[in-house]
Protein backbone atom coordinates (compact mmCIF):
# COMPACT_ATOMS: atom_id res chain seq x y z
CA MET A 1 11.64 13.40 17.56
CA THR A 2 13.79 16.73 17.57
CA LEU A 3 17.58 16.97 17.33
CA SER A 4 19.57 20.21 18.99
CA PRO A 5 22.51 20.81 17.76
CA ALA A 6 24.09 21.05 20.61
CA ASP A 7 23.05 17.23 20.36
CA ALA A 8 23.58 16.44 17.22
CA ALA A 9 27.38 18.07 17.78
CA ARG A 10 27.81 16.31 21.08
CA ARG A 11 26.83 12.87 19.23
CA ALA A 12 29.46 13.84 16.34
CA GLU A 13 32.02 13.81 18.70
CA ALA A 14 31.07 10.96 20.87
CA VAL A 15 31.05 8.55 17.45
CA ALA A 16 34.09 10.09 15.92
CA PRO A 17 36.70 7.81 17.03
CA ARG A 18 34.60 4.84 16.90
CA LEU A 19 33.77 5.44 13.10
CA ARG A 20 37.34 6.14 12.46
CA GLU A 21 38.76 2.45 13.07
CA HIS A 22 36.66 1.73 10.48
CA LEU A 23 36.60 4.31 7.78
CA PRO A 24 39.58 6.85 6.54
CA PRO A 25 39.52 10.72 7.60
CA THR A 26 39.71 12.17 4.25
CA PRO A 27 41.93 14.66 2.80
CA PHE A 28 40.89 18.93 3.44
CA VAL A 29 43.55 20.51 0.85
CA ARG A 30 43.60 23.98 -1.14
CA TYR A 31 42.25 24.54 -4.66
CA GLY A 32 44.55 26.64 -6.16
CA ALA A 33 42.06 27.23 -9.36
CA PHE A 34 39.26 28.06 -7.28
CA SER A 35 41.10 30.29 -4.95
CA GLU A 36 42.46 32.42 -7.72
CA GLU A 37 38.84 32.76 -9.44
CA LEU A 38 37.07 33.39 -6.35
CA GLU A 39 39.95 35.66 -4.68
CA CYS A 40 39.70 33.87 -1.43
CA ASP A 41 41.23 30.27 0.29
CA VAL A 42 38.97 27.47 -1.02
CA LEU A 43 39.24 24.55 1.15
CA VAL A 44 38.02 21.23 0.12
CA LYS A 45 36.75 18.20 2.17
CA CYS A 46 37.36 15.31 -0.28
CA GLU A 47 34.52 13.05 0.73
CA HIS A 48 34.60 11.91 -3.04
CA GLN A 49 37.96 9.96 -1.69
CA GLN A 50 35.81 8.85 1.15
CA ARG A 51 35.30 4.77 1.11
CA THR A 52 32.30 3.96 -1.38
CA ALA A 53 33.11 7.76 -2.44
CA SER A 54 30.77 9.32 -0.23
CA PHE A 55 30.13 10.94 2.57
CA LYS A 56 27.62 8.96 3.29
CA ALA A 57 29.39 5.92 4.16
CA ARG A 58 29.73 8.28 7.52
CA GLY A 59 26.42 7.96 8.48
CA ALA A 60 25.44 4.80 7.51
CA MET A 61 28.26 2.82 9.35
CA ALA A 62 27.46 5.21 13.18
CA LYS A 63 23.83 4.03 12.54
CA ILE A 64 24.81 0.16 12.30
CA LEU A 65 27.55 0.73 14.89
CA THR A 66 24.19 0.53 17.06
CA LEU A 67 22.73 -2.44 16.20
CA THR A 68 23.60 -5.76 18.05
CA ASP A 69 24.88 -8.57 15.97
CA ALA A 70 21.50 -10.46 15.94
CA GLU A 71 20.03 -7.13 14.32
CA ARG A 72 22.33 -7.11 11.65
CA GLN A 73 22.13 -10.67 10.68
CA ALA A 74 18.28 -10.12 10.62
CA GLY A 75 18.07 -7.56 8.33
CA VAL A 76 18.71 -3.75 7.56
CA VAL A 77 16.49 -1.88 4.82
CA THR A 78 17.00 1.63 3.75
CA ALA A 79 16.01 3.69 0.73
CA SER A 80 18.79 5.49 -1.55
CA THR A 81 19.38 7.21 -4.94
CA GLY A 82 22.23 5.56 -4.21
CA ASN A 83 24.99 6.59 -2.01
CA HIS A 84 23.46 5.37 1.05
CA GLY A 85 22.93 2.70 0.14
CA LEU A 86 26.27 2.28 -0.77
CA GLY A 87 27.20 3.55 3.13
CA VAL A 88 24.75 0.70 3.97
CA GLY A 89 26.63 -2.20 1.83
CA ASN A 90 29.68 -0.86 2.89
CA ALA A 91 28.64 -1.15 6.79
CA LEU A 92 27.13 -4.36 6.96
CA ALA A 93 30.29 -6.06 4.29
CA THR A 94 32.52 -4.77 7.58
CA LEU A 95 30.15 -5.43 10.30
CA GLY A 96 28.41 -8.53 9.01
CA GLY A 97 24.52 -8.94 8.06
CA HIS A 98 21.80 -8.59 5.54
CA GLY A 99 20.68 -5.30 3.62
CA ILE A 100 17.69 -4.61 1.36
CA VAL A 101 17.67 -1.18 -0.65
CA TYR A 102 14.86 0.30 -1.62
CA LEU A 103 15.96 3.09 -4.78
CA PRO A 104 14.34 4.93 -7.38
CA GLU A 105 13.99 3.50 -11.10
CA ASN A 106 15.80 6.28 -12.25
CA ALA A 107 18.57 5.79 -9.93
CA SER A 108 22.48 6.02 -11.65
CA PRO A 109 23.41 2.90 -13.48
CA SER A 110 27.24 2.93 -11.90
CA LYS A 111 25.47 3.27 -8.25
CA VAL A 112 23.22 0.04 -8.90
CA GLY A 113 25.83 -1.56 -10.00
CA ALA A 114 27.94 -1.13 -6.94
CA LEU A 115 25.03 -1.92 -4.37
CA ARG A 116 24.68 -5.54 -6.23
CA ARG A 117 27.96 -5.85 -5.93
CA LEU A 118 28.03 -5.34 -2.33
CA GLY A 119 25.66 -8.08 -1.93
CA LEU A 120 22.24 -5.84 -1.34
CA GLU A 121 19.38 -6.85 -1.95
CA LEU A 122 17.72 -4.00 -4.59
CA ARG A 123 13.83 -3.03 -4.89
CA ALA A 124 13.29 -0.21 -7.27
CA GLU A 125 9.67 1.71 -7.00
CA GLY A 126 8.81 5.11 -8.71
CA THR A 127 11.44 8.12 -8.63
CA ASP A 128 10.82 9.94 -5.56
CA THR A 129 13.21 9.19 -2.63
CA GLY A 130 10.63 10.71 -0.02
CA VAL A 131 8.05 8.12 -1.06
CA LEU A 132 10.89 5.01 -1.53
CA GLU A 133 11.82 6.26 2.27
CA THR A 134 8.25 5.55 3.24
CA LYS A 135 7.99 2.50 1.51
CA ALA A 136 11.45 1.23 2.97
CA ARG A 137 10.48 2.07 6.58
CA ALA A 138 6.76 0.48 6.68
CA TYR A 139 8.21 -2.69 4.90
CA ALA A 140 10.95 -2.91 7.80
CA ALA A 141 8.27 -2.21 10.35
CA GLU A 142 6.18 -5.35 9.42
CA HIS A 143 8.73 -7.54 9.16
CA GLY A 144 10.86 -6.82 13.01
CA LEU A 145 13.83 -5.39 10.77
CA THR A 146 15.80 -2.64 11.24
CA TYR A 147 15.43 0.71 8.84
CA VAL A 148 18.63 2.95 8.82
CA PRO A 149 17.36 6.17 7.29
CA PRO A 150 19.78 8.12 4.57
CA TYR A 151 19.27 11.29 7.08
CA ASN A 152 16.26 12.08 9.39
CA ASP A 153 18.30 9.72 12.10
CA PRO A 154 20.70 11.00 15.12
CA ASP A 155 23.27 8.59 14.76
CA VAL A 156 23.09 9.13 10.75
CA VAL A 157 23.26 13.19 11.52
CA ALA A 158 26.02 12.52 13.91
CA GLY A 159 27.63 10.21 11.32
CA GLN A 160 27.80 13.06 8.94
CA GLY A 161 28.56 15.54 11.42
CA THR A 162 31.94 13.77 12.05
CA VAL A 163 32.77 15.43 8.60
CA ALA A 164 33.27 18.56 10.51
CA VAL A 165 35.25 16.88 13.39
CA GLU A 166 37.91 15.89 10.85
CA ILE A 167 38.11 19.67 9.65
CA LEU A 168 38.91 21.32 12.67
CA GLU A 169 41.39 19.10 13.45
CA GLN A 170 42.84 19.51 10.19
CA LEU A 171 42.32 23.62 10.36
CA ASN A 172 44.52 23.04 13.75
CA GLY A 173 43.19 26.28 14.95
CA ALA A 174 42.97 28.08 11.92
CA PRO A 175 40.55 30.46 11.11
CA LEU A 176 37.65 28.91 9.23
CA ASP A 177 35.05 31.95 7.68
CA ALA A 178 32.69 30.04 6.17
CA VAL A 179 31.19 26.24 4.69
CA VAL A 180 29.54 25.11 1.74
CA VAL A 181 27.64 22.13 1.67
CA ALA A 182 25.05 20.45 -0.93
CA VAL A 183 21.61 19.86 0.47
CA GLY A 184 19.48 16.46 -0.06
CA GLY A 185 17.50 15.63 2.91
CA GLY A 186 19.39 18.02 5.29
CA GLY A 187 21.58 15.22 7.13
CA LEU A 188 25.05 16.22 5.83
CA ILE A 189 24.46 20.12 6.65
CA SER A 190 22.98 19.62 9.78
CA GLY A 191 25.93 17.47 11.17
CA ILE A 192 28.57 19.64 10.05
CA ALA A 193 26.75 23.10 11.08
CA ALA A 194 26.28 21.92 14.60
CA VAL A 195 30.15 20.54 15.06
CA LEU A 196 31.28 24.27 13.64
CA LYS A 197 29.08 26.48 14.95
CA ALA A 198 29.94 24.52 18.23
CA HIS A 199 33.39 25.56 18.01
CA LEU A 200 33.54 28.41 15.42
CA PRO A 201 30.25 30.58 16.11
CA ASP A 202 30.74 33.21 13.58
CA VAL A 203 31.16 30.31 10.82
CA ARG A 204 28.82 31.30 7.94
CA VAL A 205 26.93 28.26 6.65
CA TYR A 206 25.90 27.38 2.59
CA GLY A 207 22.77 25.38 2.04
CA ALA A 208 23.40 24.54 -1.79
CA GLN A 209 20.47 23.03 -3.75
CA PRO A 210 19.68 22.94 -7.29
CA VAL A 211 17.37 25.52 -8.76
CA ASN A 212 15.22 22.16 -10.26
CA ASP A 213 14.90 20.05 -7.26
CA ASP A 214 15.12 22.40 -3.87
CA ALA A 215 12.69 20.50 -1.51
CA MET A 216 14.44 21.74 1.63
CA ALA A 217 15.27 25.47 0.66
CA ALA A 218 11.89 25.51 -0.03
CA SER A 219 10.40 23.69 3.09
CA VAL A 220 12.52 26.52 4.94
CA ARG A 221 11.11 29.27 3.12
CA ALA A 222 7.34 27.81 4.03
CA GLY A 223 7.95 27.07 6.92
CA GLN A 224 7.32 23.69 6.97
CA ILE A 225 7.90 20.62 4.88
CA THR A 226 6.61 20.39 1.80
CA MET A 227 6.60 19.37 -1.54
CA VAL A 228 8.46 20.94 -4.69
CA ASP A 229 7.53 19.62 -8.19
CA ALA A 230 11.08 18.46 -9.09
CA GLY A 231 12.75 18.39 -12.18
CA PRO A 232 15.92 16.54 -13.38
CA THR A 233 19.32 17.50 -12.09
CA LEU A 234 22.98 16.72 -12.30
CA SER A 235 22.80 16.59 -8.94
CA ASP A 236 21.26 13.08 -8.09
CA GLY A 237 22.42 12.66 -4.76
CA THR A 238 20.58 15.54 -3.51
CA ALA A 239 17.62 14.62 -5.41
CA GLY A 240 13.92 13.90 -3.60
CA SER A 241 11.08 15.18 -1.10
CA VAL A 242 12.42 15.52 2.64
CA GLU A 243 10.79 13.32 4.67
CA PRO A 244 7.18 14.46 7.20
CA GLY A 245 8.66 15.10 10.21
CA SER A 246 12.17 14.80 9.65
CA ILE A 247 14.62 15.93 12.46
CA THR A 248 17.04 17.88 9.81
CA PHE A 249 14.25 20.30 9.08
CA GLY A 250 14.63 22.01 12.28
CA LEU A 251 18.56 21.70 12.14
CA CYS A 252 18.47 23.28 9.07
CA ARG A 253 15.67 26.26 9.80
CA GLU A 254 18.05 27.06 12.76
CA LEU A 255 21.65 26.42 11.25
CA VAL A 256 21.90 27.22 7.57
CA ASP A 257 22.09 30.98 7.38
CA ASP A 258 22.20 31.29 3.61
CA TRP A 259 20.31 29.02 1.06
CA VAL A 260 21.93 28.67 -2.73
CA LEU A 261 20.05 27.39 -5.70
CA VAL A 262 21.74 26.76 -8.64
CA GLU A 263 21.26 26.38 -12.21
CA GLU A 264 22.31 23.07 -14.34
CA ASP A 265 24.76 24.70 -16.35
CA ALA A 266 26.28 26.47 -13.39
CA ILE A 267 26.66 22.66 -11.62
CA ARG A 268 28.15 21.43 -15.43
CA ALA A 269 30.60 24.28 -15.12
CA ALA A 270 32.03 23.68 -12.25
CA LEU A 271 32.37 19.41 -12.37
CA ARG A 272 34.25 20.83 -15.58
CA THR A 273 36.81 23.24 -13.76
CA VAL A 274 37.47 20.48 -10.72
CA ILE A 275 38.23 17.86 -13.31
CA ASP A 276 40.38 20.25 -15.55
CA THR A 277 41.81 21.67 -13.07
CA GLU A 278 42.44 19.42 -10.30
CA HIS A 279 41.65 15.99 -11.85
CA GLN A 280 39.67 14.75 -9.71
CA LEU A 281 36.35 12.55 -10.77
CA ILE A 282 33.21 14.17 -8.61
CA GLU A 283 29.61 13.77 -8.94
CA GLY A 284 26.55 16.43 -9.61
CA SER A 285 25.81 16.97 -6.15
CA ALA A 286 29.94 17.38 -5.58
CA ALA A 287 29.95 20.12 -8.06
CA LEU A 288 26.43 22.20 -7.01
CA ALA A 289 28.67 22.88 -3.69
CA PHE A 290 31.72 24.46 -5.82
CA ALA A 291 29.15 26.20 -8.08
CA ALA A 292 27.33 27.05 -4.72
CA ALA A 293 30.82 28.99 -3.31
CA ARG A 294 31.29 30.37 -6.94
CA GLN A 295 27.83 32.09 -7.08
CA ARG A 296 28.24 33.80 -3.89
CA ARG A 297 32.14 34.95 -4.82
CA THR A 298 31.52 38.30 -3.87
CA GLU A 299 30.77 38.18 -0.05
CA LEU A 300 33.45 35.38 0.05
CA THR A 301 36.56 37.18 -1.60
CA GLY A 302 38.95 37.49 0.75
CA ARG A 303 37.56 34.91 3.23
CA ARG A 304 39.01 31.05 4.10
CA VAL A 305 35.81 28.90 2.92
CA ALA A 306 35.47 24.94 3.45
CA VAL A 307 34.04 23.25 0.58
CA VAL A 308 32.52 19.71 0.89
CA SER A 309 33.22 17.91 -2.10
CA CYS A 310 30.33 15.15 -0.73
CA GLY A 311 30.80 12.46 -3.37
CA GLY A 312 32.46 11.08 -6.22
CA ASN A 313 29.77 8.39 -7.95
CA ILE A 314 29.25 9.54 -11.43
CA SER A 315 28.44 7.15 -14.07
CA SER A 316 30.28 7.40 -17.96
CA THR A 317 26.90 7.95 -19.39
CA THR A 318 26.26 10.97 -17.15
CA LEU A 319 29.59 12.46 -17.21
CA ALA A 320 29.57 12.46 -20.88
CA ALA A 321 26.78 14.08 -21.01
CA ALA A 322 27.99 16.85 -18.47
CA LEU A 323 30.78 17.21 -20.22
CA SER A 324 29.17 17.80 -23.92
């Protein structure tokens, strides 16, 4: 299966009005301290304020809106480090239905608790989300259920692309020079980049990944989807390998202009800065995008830059360790 940038953009713009019936637009605001430090206009898309505290609510809702009542009631299956599962749970709670989530054994406790409260059936197996995706997809096929991928699906990519549909509306004709997005499986950056480049072809797209787990960036460098020897990262929302044959790989190759690999100390420092200056609670994967913008400050000077703050689900234990 392939998905062209033009088709991804068209799908995102088509589904945006339907999503708005169920999910609120998120703020797009200037962060003064980062703007001053980087000597540029840093405009933050606050997906950490989205329902379920993550952009993942969009892709999950977009996919589940394509299902019939009977398909939702029979059950949907997914794999997730937490945020996508929360998005699936929110969509099912809104539209009706039953869900099963395969998640890693080391998933954030706060996310696991939230998944349980949404009434989802949880199956914790292993630590690699790429392997879990294969297991979840196989289980769904064996039992005649619907699999809802975390990123490898045209409807999911389109749902994430509605972030950029809103950004364009909120810019209201003002210019935008660059966008910085944290990358795991690539669904968010694929959707955002497809929509933005359809309207602002000169916008520069930066994909941020942790040095400790850079599967998509490594795959793009290698010219094929590849495994990496991943280590632990505060950016747990981007952790895991890329599913073989994922449509996001081709989109990332075509649409991402630059890859920024970020060390753990820099992710922690960015998290502290956002909390200290904006008093906003964000998770590690959101801090990753801020850290990447810092890392590219020289080329961003004087520019207008969107940073996508992708989520706010972080446990007190993880937060305390990051701030210590």
